[in-house]
All heavy atoms as atom14 arrays in JSON, in Angstrom:
{
  "sequence": "SNGVNGIYLHGNPTSLTMTSCYTNSNAGRGVYISDGTYMALSACASDS",
  "atom14_mask": [
    [1, 1, 1, 1, 1, 1, 0, 0, 0, 0, 0, 0, 0, 0],
    [1, 1, 1, 1, 1, 1, 1, 1, 0, 0, 0, 0, 0, 0],
    [1, 1, 1, 1, 0, 0, 0, 0, 0, 0, 0, 0, 0, 0],
    [1, 1, 1, 1, 1, 1, 1, 0, 0, 0, 0, 0, 0, 0],
    [1, 1, 1, 1, 1, 1, 1, 1, 0, 0, 0, 0, 0, 0],
    [1, 1, 1, 1, 0, 0, 0, 0, 0, 0, 0, 0, 0, 0],
    [1, 1, 1, 1, 1, 1, 1, 1, 0, 0, 0, 0, 0, 0],
    [1, 1, 1, 1, 1, 1, 1, 1, 1, 1, 1, 1, 0, 0],
    [1, 1, 1, 1, 1, 1, 1, 1, 0, 0, 0, 0, 0, 0],
    [1, 1, 1, 1, 1, 1, 1, 1, 1, 1, 0, 0, 0, 0],
    [1, 1, 1, 1, 0, 0, 0, 0, 0, 0, 0, 0, 0, 0],
    [1, 1, 1, 1, 1, 1, 1, 1, 0, 0, 0, 0, 0, 0],
    [1, 1, 1, 1, 1, 1, 1, 0, 0, 0, 0, 0, 0, 0],
    [1, 1, 1, 1, 1, 1, 1, 0, 0, 0, 0, 0, 0, 0],
    [1, 1, 1, 1, 1, 1, 0, 0, 0, 0, 0, 0, 0, 0],
    [1, 1, 1, 1, 1, 1, 1, 1, 0, 0, 0, 0, 0, 0],
    [1, 1, 1, 1, 1, 1, 1, 0, 0, 0, 0, 0, 0, 0],
    [1, 1, 1, 1, 1, 1, 1, 1, 0, 0, 0, 0, 0, 0],
    [1, 1, 1, 1, 1, 1, 1, 0, 0, 0, 0, 0, 0, 0],
    [1, 1, 1, 1, 1, 1, 0, 0, 0, 0, 0, 0, 0, 0],
    [1, 1, 1, 1, 1, 1, 0, 0, 0, 0, 0, 0, 0, 0],
    [1, 1, 1, 1, 1, 1, 1, 1, 1, 1, 1, 1, 0, 0],
    [1, 1, 1, 1, 1, 1, 1, 0, 0, 0, 0, 0, 0, 0],
    [1, 1, 1, 1, 1, 1, 1, 1, 0, 0, 0, 0, 0, 0],
    [1, 1, 1, 1, 1, 1, 0, 0, 0, 0, 0, 0, 0, 0],
    [1, 1, 1, 1, 1, 1, 1, 1, 0, 0, 0, 0, 0, 0],
    [1, 1, 1, 1, 1, 0, 0, 0, 0, 0, 0, 0, 0, 0],
    [1, 1, 1, 1, 0, 0, 0, 0, 0, 0, 0, 0, 0, 0],
    [1, 1, 1, 1, 1, 1, 1, 1, 1, 1, 1, 0, 0, 0],
    [1, 1, 1, 1, 0, 0, 0, 0, 0, 0, 0, 0, 0, 0],
    [1, 1, 1, 1, 1, 1, 1, 0, 0, 0, 0, 0, 0, 0],
    [1, 1, 1, 1, 1, 1, 1, 1, 1, 1, 1, 1, 0, 0],
    [1, 1, 1, 1, 1, 1, 1, 1, 0, 0, 0, 0, 0, 0],
    [1, 1, 1, 1, 1, 1, 0, 0, 0, 0, 0, 0, 0, 0],
    [1, 1, 1, 1, 1, 1, 1, 1, 0, 0, 0, 0, 0, 0],
    [1, 1, 1, 1, 0, 0, 0, 0, 0, 0, 0, 0, 0, 0],
    [1, 1, 1, 1, 1, 1, 1, 0, 0, 0, 0, 0, 0, 0],
    [1, 1, 1, 1, 1, 1, 1, 1, 1, 1, 1, 1, 0, 0],
    [1, 1, 1, 1, 1, 1, 1, 1, 0, 0, 0, 0, 0, 0],
    [1, 1, 1, 1, 1, 0, 0, 0, 0, 0, 0, 0, 0, 0],
    [1, 1, 1, 1, 1, 1, 1, 1, 0, 0, 0, 0, 0, 0],
    [1, 1, 1, 1, 1, 1, 0, 0, 0, 0, 0, 0, 0, 0],
    [1, 1, 1, 1, 1, 0, 0, 0, 0, 0, 0, 0, 0, 0],
    [1, 1, 1, 1, 1, 1, 0, 0, 0, 0, 0, 0, 0, 0],
    [1, 1, 1, 1, 1, 0, 0, 0, 0, 0, 0, 0, 0, 0],
    [1, 1, 1, 1, 1, 1, 0, 0, 0, 0, 0, 0, 0, 0],
    [1, 1, 1, 1, 1, 1, 1, 1, 0, 0, 0, 0, 0, 0],
    [1, 1, 1, 1, 1, 1, 0, 0, 0, 0, 0, 0, 0, 0]
  ],
  "atom14_positions": [
    [[1.57, -4.88, -29.66], [2.61, -5.6, -30.41], [3.73, -6.1, -29.52], [4.92, -6.05, -29.89], [3.17, -4.69, -31.52], [2.15, -4.27, -32.39], [0.0, 0.0, 0.0], [0.0, 0.0, 0.0], [0.0, 0.0, 0.0], [0.0, 0.0, 0.0], [0.0, 0.0, 0.0], [0.0, 0.0, 0.0], [0.0, 0.0, 0.0], [0.0, 0.0, 0.0]],
    [[3.36, -6.61, -28.34], [4.34, -7.21, -27.44], [4.31, -8.73, -27.56], [3.28, -9.32, -27.93], [4.09, -6.77, -26.01], [4.29, -5.27, -25.83], [5.41, -4.78, -25.91], [3.21, -4.53, -25.61], [0.0, 0.0, 0.0], [0.0, 0.0, 0.0], [0.0, 0.0, 0.0], [0.0, 0.0, 0.0], [0.0, 0.0, 0.0], [0.0, 0.0, 0.0]],
    [[5.42, -9.39, -27.21], [5.55, -10.81, -27.43], [4.82, -11.7, -26.45], [4.63, -12.89, -26.73], [0.0, 0.0, 0.0], [0.0, 0.0, 0.0], [0.0, 0.0, 0.0], [0.0, 0.0, 0.0], [0.0, 0.0, 0.0], [0.0, 0.0, 0.0], [0.0, 0.0, 0.0], [0.0, 0.0, 0.0], [0.0, 0.0, 0.0], [0.0, 0.0, 0.0]],
    [[4.41, -11.16, -25.31], [3.66, -11.95, -24.33], [2.31, -11.29, -24.1], [1.44, -11.38, -24.94], [4.46, -12.15, -23.02], [3.73, -13.07, -22.06], [5.84, -12.76, -23.33], [0.0, 0.0, 0.0], [0.0, 0.0, 0.0], [0.0, 0.0, 0.0], [0.0, 0.0, 0.0], [0.0, 0.0, 0.0], [0.0, 0.0, 0.0], [0.0, 0.0, 0.0]],
    [[2.13, -10.59, -23.0], [0.86, -9.94, -22.71], [0.95, -8.43, -22.89], [2.04, -7.86, -22.86], [0.42, -10.26, -21.27], [0.31, -11.75, -21.01], [-0.41, -12.46, -21.7], [1.04, -12.23, -20.01], [0.0, 0.0, 0.0], [0.0, 0.0, 0.0], [0.0, 0.0, 0.0], [0.0, 0.0, 0.0], [0.0, 0.0, 0.0], [0.0, 0.0, 0.0]],
    [[-0.22, -7.81, -23.03], [-0.24, -6.36, -23.03], [-0.01, -5.83, -21.63], [1.03, -5.2, -21.35], [0.0, 0.0, 0.0], [0.0, 0.0, 0.0], [0.0, 0.0, 0.0], [0.0, 0.0, 0.0], [0.0, 0.0, 0.0], [0.0, 0.0, 0.0], [0.0, 0.0, 0.0], [0.0, 0.0, 0.0], [0.0, 0.0, 0.0], [0.0, 0.0, 0.0]],
    [[-0.96, -6.09, -20.74], [-0.86, -5.68, -19.33], [-1.0, -6.93, -18.46], [-2.02, -7.63, -18.54], [-1.94, -4.65, -18.96], [-1.75, -3.36, -19.78], [-1.91, -4.33, -17.47], [-2.87, -2.35, -19.61], [0.0, 0.0, 0.0], [0.0, 0.0, 0.0], [0.0, 0.0, 0.0], [0.0, 0.0, 0.0], [0.0, 0.0, 0.0], [0.0, 0.0, 0.0]],
    [[-0.01, -7.22, -17.65], [0.01, -8.4, -16.79], [0.14, -7.95, -15.34], [1.16, -7.39, -14.95], [1.18, -9.3, -17.19], [1.32, -10.58, -16.39], [0.21, -11.23, -15.84], [2.57, -11.16, -16.21], [0.35, -12.41, -15.13], [2.73, -12.34, -15.5], [1.61, -12.96, -14.96], [1.76, -14.13, -14.25], [0.0, 0.0, 0.0], [0.0, 0.0, 0.0]],
    [[-0.9, -8.21, -14.55], [-0.93, -7.84, -13.13], [-1.08, -9.12, -12.32], [-2.06, -9.85, -12.49], [-2.1, -6.89, -12.86], [-2.17, -5.64, -13.77], [-3.46, -4.87, -13.52], [-0.96, -4.75, -13.56], [0.0, 0.0, 0.0], [0.0, 0.0, 0.0], [0.0, 0.0, 0.0], [0.0, 0.0, 0.0], [0.0, 0.0, 0.0], [0.0, 0.0, 0.0]],
    [[-0.15, -9.38, -11.42], [-0.15, -10.66, -10.72], [0.43, -10.51, -9.33], [0.81, -9.41, -8.91], [0.64, -11.69, -11.54], [2.03, -11.27, -11.91], [3.15, -11.83, -11.35], [2.49, -10.33, -12.79], [4.24, -11.28, -11.88], [3.86, -10.36, -12.75], [0.0, 0.0, 0.0], [0.0, 0.0, 0.0], [0.0, 0.0, 0.0], [0.0, 0.0, 0.0]],
    [[0.46, -11.64, -8.58], [0.97, -11.6, -7.22], [0.03, -10.89, -6.25], [0.48, -10.18, -5.36], [0.0, 0.0, 0.0], [0.0, 0.0, 0.0], [0.0, 0.0, 0.0], [0.0, 0.0, 0.0], [0.0, 0.0, 0.0], [0.0, 0.0, 0.0], [0.0, 0.0, 0.0], [0.0, 0.0, 0.0], [0.0, 0.0, 0.0], [0.0, 0.0, 0.0]],
    [[-1.29, -11.06, -6.44], [-2.31, -10.43, -5.6], [-2.33, -8.91, -5.71], [-2.21, -8.18, -4.72], [-2.14, -10.84, -4.14], [-3.34, -10.47, -3.27], [-3.19, -10.16, -2.1], [-4.53, -10.5, -3.84], [0.0, 0.0, 0.0], [0.0, 0.0, 0.0], [0.0, 0.0, 0.0], [0.0, 0.0, 0.0], [0.0, 0.0, 0.0], [0.0, 0.0, 0.0]],
    [[-2.49, -8.38, -6.91], [-2.71, -6.92, -7.05], [-4.0, -6.54, -6.33], [-5.01, -7.24, -6.41], [-2.84, -6.74, -8.57], [-3.24, -8.07, -9.1], [-2.62, -9.09, -8.2], [0.0, 0.0, 0.0], [0.0, 0.0, 0.0], [0.0, 0.0, 0.0], [0.0, 0.0, 0.0], [0.0, 0.0, 0.0], [0.0, 0.0, 0.0], [0.0, 0.0, 0.0]],
    [[-3.97, -5.42, -5.61], [-5.09, -5.05, -4.73], [-5.4, -3.56, -4.84], [-4.49, -2.73, -4.88], [-4.75, -5.39, -3.27], [-4.43, -6.78, -3.17], [-5.92, -5.08, -2.35], [0.0, 0.0, 0.0], [0.0, 0.0, 0.0], [0.0, 0.0, 0.0], [0.0, 0.0, 0.0], [0.0, 0.0, 0.0], [0.0, 0.0, 0.0], [0.0, 0.0, 0.0]],
    [[-6.69, -3.25, -4.9], [-7.14, -1.85, -4.92], [-6.47, -1.07, -6.04], [-5.87, -0.02, -5.83], [-6.89, -1.17, -3.56], [-7.58, -1.84, -2.54], [0.0, 0.0, 0.0], [0.0, 0.0, 0.0], [0.0, 0.0, 0.0], [0.0, 0.0, 0.0], [0.0, 0.0, 0.0], [0.0, 0.0, 0.0], [0.0, 0.0, 0.0], [0.0, 0.0, 0.0]],
    [[-6.59, -1.61, -7.23], [-5.97, -1.01, -8.41], [-7.05, -0.65, -9.42], [-8.02, -1.4, -9.6], [-4.97, -1.98, -9.03], [-4.17, -1.52, -10.25], [-2.76, -2.13, -10.22], [-4.87, -1.93, -11.55], [0.0, 0.0, 0.0], [0.0, 0.0, 0.0], [0.0, 0.0, 0.0], [0.0, 0.0, 0.0], [0.0, 0.0, 0.0], [0.0, 0.0, 0.0]],
    [[-6.9, 0.49, -10.07], [-7.84, 0.9, -11.11], [-7.14, 1.01, -12.46], [-5.99, 1.45, -12.55], [-8.51, 2.26, -10.79], [-7.51, 3.28, -10.73], [-9.24, 2.21, -9.46], [0.0, 0.0, 0.0], [0.0, 0.0, 0.0], [0.0, 0.0, 0.0], [0.0, 0.0, 0.0], [0.0, 0.0, 0.0], [0.0, 0.0, 0.0], [0.0, 0.0, 0.0]],
    [[-7.85, 0.6, -13.5], [-7.42, 0.79, -14.89], [-8.51, 1.56, -15.6], [-9.66, 1.12, -15.63], [-7.19, -0.56, -15.58], [-5.95, -1.29, -15.14], [-5.81, -2.95, -15.94], [-6.04, -2.53, -17.67], [0.0, 0.0, 0.0], [0.0, 0.0, 0.0], [0.0, 0.0, 0.0], [0.0, 0.0, 0.0], [0.0, 0.0, 0.0], [0.0, 0.0, 0.0]],
    [[-8.15, 2.7, -16.17], [-9.12, 3.55, -16.85], [-8.65, 3.87, -18.26], [-7.51, 4.31, -18.46], [-9.31, 4.87, -16.07], [-9.68, 4.57, -14.72], [-10.39, 5.72, -16.71], [0.0, 0.0, 0.0], [0.0, 0.0, 0.0], [0.0, 0.0, 0.0], [0.0, 0.0, 0.0], [0.0, 0.0, 0.0], [0.0, 0.0, 0.0], [0.0, 0.0, 0.0]],
    [[-9.52, 3.65, -19.23], [-9.24, 4.01, -20.63], [-7.92, 3.42, -21.12], [-7.16, 4.08, -21.85], [-9.25, 5.53, -20.81], [-10.5, 6.07, -20.44], [0.0, 0.0, 0.0], [0.0, 0.0, 0.0], [0.0, 0.0, 0.0], [0.0, 0.0, 0.0], [0.0, 0.0, 0.0], [0.0, 0.0, 0.0], [0.0, 0.0, 0.0], [0.0, 0.0, 0.0]],
    [[-7.65, 2.17, -20.76], [-6.45, 1.5, -21.23], [-6.78, 0.69, -22.49], [-7.91, 0.22, -22.66], [-5.89, 0.59, -20.15], [-5.25, 1.5, -18.71], [0.0, 0.0, 0.0], [0.0, 0.0, 0.0], [0.0, 0.0, 0.0], [0.0, 0.0, 0.0], [0.0, 0.0, 0.0], [0.0, 0.0, 0.0], [0.0, 0.0, 0.0], [0.0, 0.0, 0.0]],
    [[-5.79, 0.51, -23.34], [-6.0, -0.16, -24.61], [-4.85, -1.13, -24.88], [-3.68, -0.76, -24.77], [-6.07, 0.88, -25.74], [-6.3, 0.29, -27.11], [-7.4, -0.51, -27.39], [-5.4, 0.56, -28.15], [-7.61, -1.03, -28.66], [-5.61, 0.05, -29.42], [-6.71, -0.75, -29.67], [-6.91, -1.27, -30.93], [0.0, 0.0, 0.0], [0.0, 0.0, 0.0]],
    [[-5.2, -2.37, -25.21], [-4.19, -3.35, -25.59], [-4.53, -3.87, -26.98], [-5.7, -4.13, -27.29], [-4.11, -4.51, -24.59], [-5.39, -5.17, -24.52], [-3.74, -4.0, -23.2], [0.0, 0.0, 0.0], [0.0, 0.0, 0.0], [0.0, 0.0, 0.0], [0.0, 0.0, 0.0], [0.0, 0.0, 0.0], [0.0, 0.0, 0.0], [0.0, 0.0, 0.0]],
    [[-3.51, -4.04, -27.81], [-3.76, -4.4, -29.2], [-2.61, -5.24, -29.77], [-1.44, -4.9, -29.59], [-3.93, -3.12, -30.04], [-4.2, -3.41, -31.5], [-5.2, -4.03, -31.85], [-3.3, -2.98, -32.35], [0.0, 0.0, 0.0], [0.0, 0.0, 0.0], [0.0, 0.0, 0.0], [0.0, 0.0, 0.0], [0.0, 0.0, 0.0], [0.0, 0.0, 0.0]],
    [[-2.98, -6.33, -30.43], [-2.02, -7.14, -31.21], [-0.86, -7.67, -30.37], [0.29, -7.72, -30.83], [-1.48, -6.32, -32.4], [-2.54, -5.96, -33.26], [0.0, 0.0, 0.0], [0.0, 0.0, 0.0], [0.0, 0.0, 0.0], [0.0, 0.0, 0.0], [0.0, 0.0, 0.0], [0.0, 0.0, 0.0], [0.0, 0.0, 0.0], [0.0, 0.0, 0.0]],
    [[-1.16, -8.06, -29.13], [-0.15, -8.74, -28.31], [-0.27, -10.25, -28.51], [-1.36, -10.78, -28.73], [-0.34, -8.37, -26.85], [-0.16, -6.88, -26.6], [0.96, -6.38, -26.61], [-1.25, -6.15, -26.4], [0.0, 0.0, 0.0], [0.0, 0.0, 0.0], [0.0, 0.0, 0.0], [0.0, 0.0, 0.0], [0.0, 0.0, 0.0], [0.0, 0.0, 0.0]],
    [[0.84, -10.96, -28.42], [0.83, -12.39, -28.73], [0.05, -13.21, -27.71], [-0.47, -14.27, -28.04], [2.27, -12.9, -28.82], [0.0, 0.0, 0.0], [0.0, 0.0, 0.0], [0.0, 0.0, 0.0], [0.0, 0.0, 0.0], [0.0, 0.0, 0.0], [0.0, 0.0, 0.0], [0.0, 0.0, 0.0], [0.0, 0.0, 0.0], [0.0, 0.0, 0.0]],
    [[-0.03, -12.74, -26.47], [-0.77, -13.44, -25.43], [-2.08, -12.75, -25.11], [-2.87, -12.44, -25.99], [0.0, 0.0, 0.0], [0.0, 0.0, 0.0], [0.0, 0.0, 0.0], [0.0, 0.0, 0.0], [0.0, 0.0, 0.0], [0.0, 0.0, 0.0], [0.0, 0.0, 0.0], [0.0, 0.0, 0.0], [0.0, 0.0, 0.0], [0.0, 0.0, 0.0]],
    [[-2.31, -12.49, -23.85], [-3.53, -11.81, -23.42], [-3.38, -10.3, -23.56], [-2.31, -9.75, -23.33], [-3.86, -12.12, -21.97], [-4.18, -13.56, -21.66], [-2.95, -14.3, -21.28], [-3.25, -15.55, -20.58], [-2.34, -16.48, -20.36], [-1.09, -16.32, -20.79], [-2.65, -17.58, -19.71], [0.0, 0.0, 0.0], [0.0, 0.0, 0.0], [0.0, 0.0, 0.0]],
    [[-4.47, -9.65, -23.86], [-4.44, -8.2, -23.82], [-4.3, -7.71, -22.39], [-3.42, -6.91, -22.07], [0.0, 0.0, 0.0], [0.0, 0.0, 0.0], [0.0, 0.0, 0.0], [0.0, 0.0, 0.0], [0.0, 0.0, 0.0], [0.0, 0.0, 0.0], [0.0, 0.0, 0.0], [0.0, 0.0, 0.0], [0.0, 0.0, 0.0], [0.0, 0.0, 0.0]],
    [[-5.16, -8.23, -21.51], [-5.11, -7.94, -20.08], [-5.16, -9.26, -19.33], [-6.08, -10.06, -19.52], [-6.29, -7.04, -19.62], [-6.25, -6.82, -18.11], [-6.26, -5.7, -20.36], [0.0, 0.0, 0.0], [0.0, 0.0, 0.0], [0.0, 0.0, 0.0], [0.0, 0.0, 0.0], [0.0, 0.0, 0.0], [0.0, 0.0, 0.0], [0.0, 0.0, 0.0]],
    [[-4.18, -9.51, -18.5], [-4.1, -10.75, -17.72], [-3.96, -10.38, -16.25], [-2.98, -9.76, -15.85], [-2.9, -11.58, -18.18], [-2.76, -12.94, -17.55], [-3.82, -13.56, -16.87], [-1.56, -13.64, -17.64], [-3.69, -14.81, -16.31], [-1.42, -14.91, -17.09], [-2.48, -15.48, -16.42], [-2.34, -16.73, -15.86], [0.0, 0.0, 0.0], [0.0, 0.0, 0.0]],
    [[-4.97, -10.75, -15.45], [-4.98, -10.44, -14.02], [-5.02, -11.75, -13.24], [-5.94, -12.56, -13.41], [-6.19, -9.57, -13.64], [-6.14, -8.24, -14.4], [-6.22, -9.32, -12.12], [-7.39, -7.39, -14.23], [0.0, 0.0, 0.0], [0.0, 0.0, 0.0], [0.0, 0.0, 0.0], [0.0, 0.0, 0.0], [0.0, 0.0, 0.0], [0.0, 0.0, 0.0]],
    [[-4.03, -11.97, -12.4], [-3.95, -13.19, -11.6], [-4.06, -12.86, -10.12], [-3.29, -12.06, -9.6], [-2.62, -13.9, -11.88], [-2.48, -15.05, -11.09], [0.0, 0.0, 0.0], [0.0, 0.0, 0.0], [0.0, 0.0, 0.0], [0.0, 0.0, 0.0], [0.0, 0.0, 0.0], [0.0, 0.0, 0.0], [0.0, 0.0, 0.0], [0.0, 0.0, 0.0]],
    [[-5.07, -13.45, -9.46], [-5.29, -13.28, -8.02], [-5.49, -11.83, -7.62], [-5.01, -11.37, -6.58], [-4.11, -13.88, -7.23], [-3.99, -15.39, -7.43], [-5.03, -16.06, -7.45], [-2.85, -15.87, -7.57], [0.0, 0.0, 0.0], [0.0, 0.0, 0.0], [0.0, 0.0, 0.0], [0.0, 0.0, 0.0], [0.0, 0.0, 0.0], [0.0, 0.0, 0.0]],
    [[-6.23, -11.09, -8.44], [-6.51, -9.69, -8.15], [-7.64, -9.55, -7.13], [-8.56, -10.36, -7.08], [0.0, 0.0, 0.0], [0.0, 0.0, 0.0], [0.0, 0.0, 0.0], [0.0, 0.0, 0.0], [0.0, 0.0, 0.0], [0.0, 0.0, 0.0], [0.0, 0.0, 0.0], [0.0, 0.0, 0.0], [0.0, 0.0, 0.0], [0.0, 0.0, 0.0]],
    [[-7.58, -8.5, -6.33], [-8.58, -8.24, -5.3], [-8.96, -6.76, -5.32], [-8.09, -5.9, -5.33], [-8.03, -8.6, -3.9], [-7.57, -9.95, -3.91], [-9.11, -8.45, -2.84], [0.0, 0.0, 0.0], [0.0, 0.0, 0.0], [0.0, 0.0, 0.0], [0.0, 0.0, 0.0], [0.0, 0.0, 0.0], [0.0, 0.0, 0.0], [0.0, 0.0, 0.0]],
    [[-10.28, -6.5, -5.32], [-10.8, -5.13, -5.27], [-10.19, -4.26, -6.39], [-9.46, -3.3, -6.15], [-10.53, -4.47, -3.92], [-10.76, -5.34, -2.73], [-9.91, -5.32, -1.64], [-11.84, -6.24, -2.69], [-10.12, -6.12, -0.54], [-12.05, -7.05, -1.59], [-11.17, -7.0, -0.52], [-11.37, -7.81, 0.56], [0.0, 0.0, 0.0], [0.0, 0.0, 0.0]],
    [[-10.51, -4.63, -7.6], [-9.97, -3.93, -8.75], [-11.11, -3.47, -9.65], [-12.13, -4.14, -9.76], [-9.02, -4.82, -9.54], [-7.78, -5.24, -8.77], [-6.73, -6.39, -9.72], [-6.31, -5.38, -11.13], [0.0, 0.0, 0.0], [0.0, 0.0, 0.0], [0.0, 0.0, 0.0], [0.0, 0.0, 0.0], [0.0, 0.0, 0.0], [0.0, 0.0, 0.0]],
    [[-10.9, -2.33, -10.33], [-11.92, -1.8, -11.23], [-11.28, -1.43, -12.57], [-10.32, -0.67, -12.62], [-12.58, -0.57, -10.63], [0.0, 0.0, 0.0], [0.0, 0.0, 0.0], [0.0, 0.0, 0.0], [0.0, 0.0, 0.0], [0.0, 0.0, 0.0], [0.0, 0.0, 0.0], [0.0, 0.0, 0.0], [0.0, 0.0, 0.0], [0.0, 0.0, 0.0]],
    [[-11.84, -2.0, -13.64], [-11.45, -1.66, -15.01], [-12.6, -0.92, -15.65], [-13.73, -1.42, -15.67], [-11.11, -2.9, -15.82], [-9.75, -3.58, -15.59], [-9.67, -4.21, -14.2], [-9.5, -4.65, -16.65], [0.0, 0.0, 0.0], [0.0, 0.0, 0.0], [0.0, 0.0, 0.0], [0.0, 0.0, 0.0], [0.0, 0.0, 0.0], [0.0, 0.0, 0.0]],
    [[-12.33, 0.29, -16.16], [-13.39, 1.12, -16.73], [-13.0, 1.62, -18.11], [-11.9, 2.16, -18.3], [-13.66, 2.31, -15.8], [-14.62, 3.18, -16.36], [0.0, 0.0, 0.0], [0.0, 0.0, 0.0], [0.0, 0.0, 0.0], [0.0, 0.0, 0.0], [0.0, 0.0, 0.0], [0.0, 0.0, 0.0], [0.0, 0.0, 0.0], [0.0, 0.0, 0.0]],
    [[-13.91, 1.44, -19.07], [-13.73, 1.96, -20.44], [-12.41, 1.5, -21.05], [-11.71, 2.27, -21.71], [-13.82, 3.49, -20.44], [0.0, 0.0, 0.0], [0.0, 0.0, 0.0], [0.0, 0.0, 0.0], [0.0, 0.0, 0.0], [0.0, 0.0, 0.0], [0.0, 0.0, 0.0], [0.0, 0.0, 0.0], [0.0, 0.0, 0.0], [0.0, 0.0, 0.0]],
    [[-12.07, 0.22, -20.85], [-10.86, -0.35, -21.44], [-11.23, -1.18, -22.67], [-12.33, -1.71, -22.77], [-10.14, -1.23, -20.42], [-9.5, -0.33, -18.98], [0.0, 0.0, 0.0], [0.0, 0.0, 0.0], [0.0, 0.0, 0.0], [0.0, 0.0, 0.0], [0.0, 0.0, 0.0], [0.0, 0.0, 0.0], [0.0, 0.0, 0.0], [0.0, 0.0, 0.0]],
    [[-10.3, -1.28, -23.61], [-10.5, -2.07, -24.82], [-9.31, -2.98, -25.03], [-8.17, -2.61, -24.75], [-10.69, -1.16, -26.04], [0.0, 0.0, 0.0], [0.0, 0.0, 0.0], [0.0, 0.0, 0.0], [0.0, 0.0, 0.0], [0.0, 0.0, 0.0], [0.0, 0.0, 0.0], [0.0, 0.0, 0.0], [0.0, 0.0, 0.0], [0.0, 0.0, 0.0]],
    [[-9.61, -4.2, -25.54], [-8.58, -5.18, -25.8], [-8.86, -5.82, -27.15], [-9.77, -6.65, -27.27], [-8.56, -6.24, -24.69], [-7.57, -7.2, -24.91], [0.0, 0.0, 0.0], [0.0, 0.0, 0.0], [0.0, 0.0, 0.0], [0.0, 0.0, 0.0], [0.0, 0.0, 0.0], [0.0, 0.0, 0.0], [0.0, 0.0, 0.0], [0.0, 0.0, 0.0]],
    [[-8.12, -5.45, -28.17], [-8.41, -5.87, -29.54], [-7.27, -6.64, -30.17], [-6.09, -6.32, -29.97], [-8.72, -4.64, -30.41], [-9.94, -3.86, -29.95], [-10.78, -4.45, -29.25], [-10.02, -2.66, -30.28], [0.0, 0.0, 0.0], [0.0, 0.0, 0.0], [0.0, 0.0, 0.0], [0.0, 0.0, 0.0], [0.0, 0.0, 0.0], [0.0, 0.0, 0.0]],
    [[-7.62, -7.66, -30.95], [-6.66, -8.39, -31.8], [-5.53, -9.02, -31.01], [-4.4, -9.14, -31.5], [-6.09, -7.45, -32.88], [-7.12, -6.91, -33.67], [0.0, 0.0, 0.0], [0.0, 0.0, 0.0], [0.0, 0.0, 0.0], [0.0, 0.0, 0.0], [0.0, 0.0, 0.0], [0.0, 0.0, 0.0], [0.0, 0.0, 0.0], [0.0, 0.0, 0.0]]
  ]
}
């Protein structure tokens, strides 16, 4: 229920992990990754 994105990672995020994260009912993207490198998302959900 945020006005832009749920989780926004940008500016070349590197070697980052997201585990069991949940985004819901955000006005923009649930998960927005810009120019990410070597990243792993596991068991995440992005709904509505």
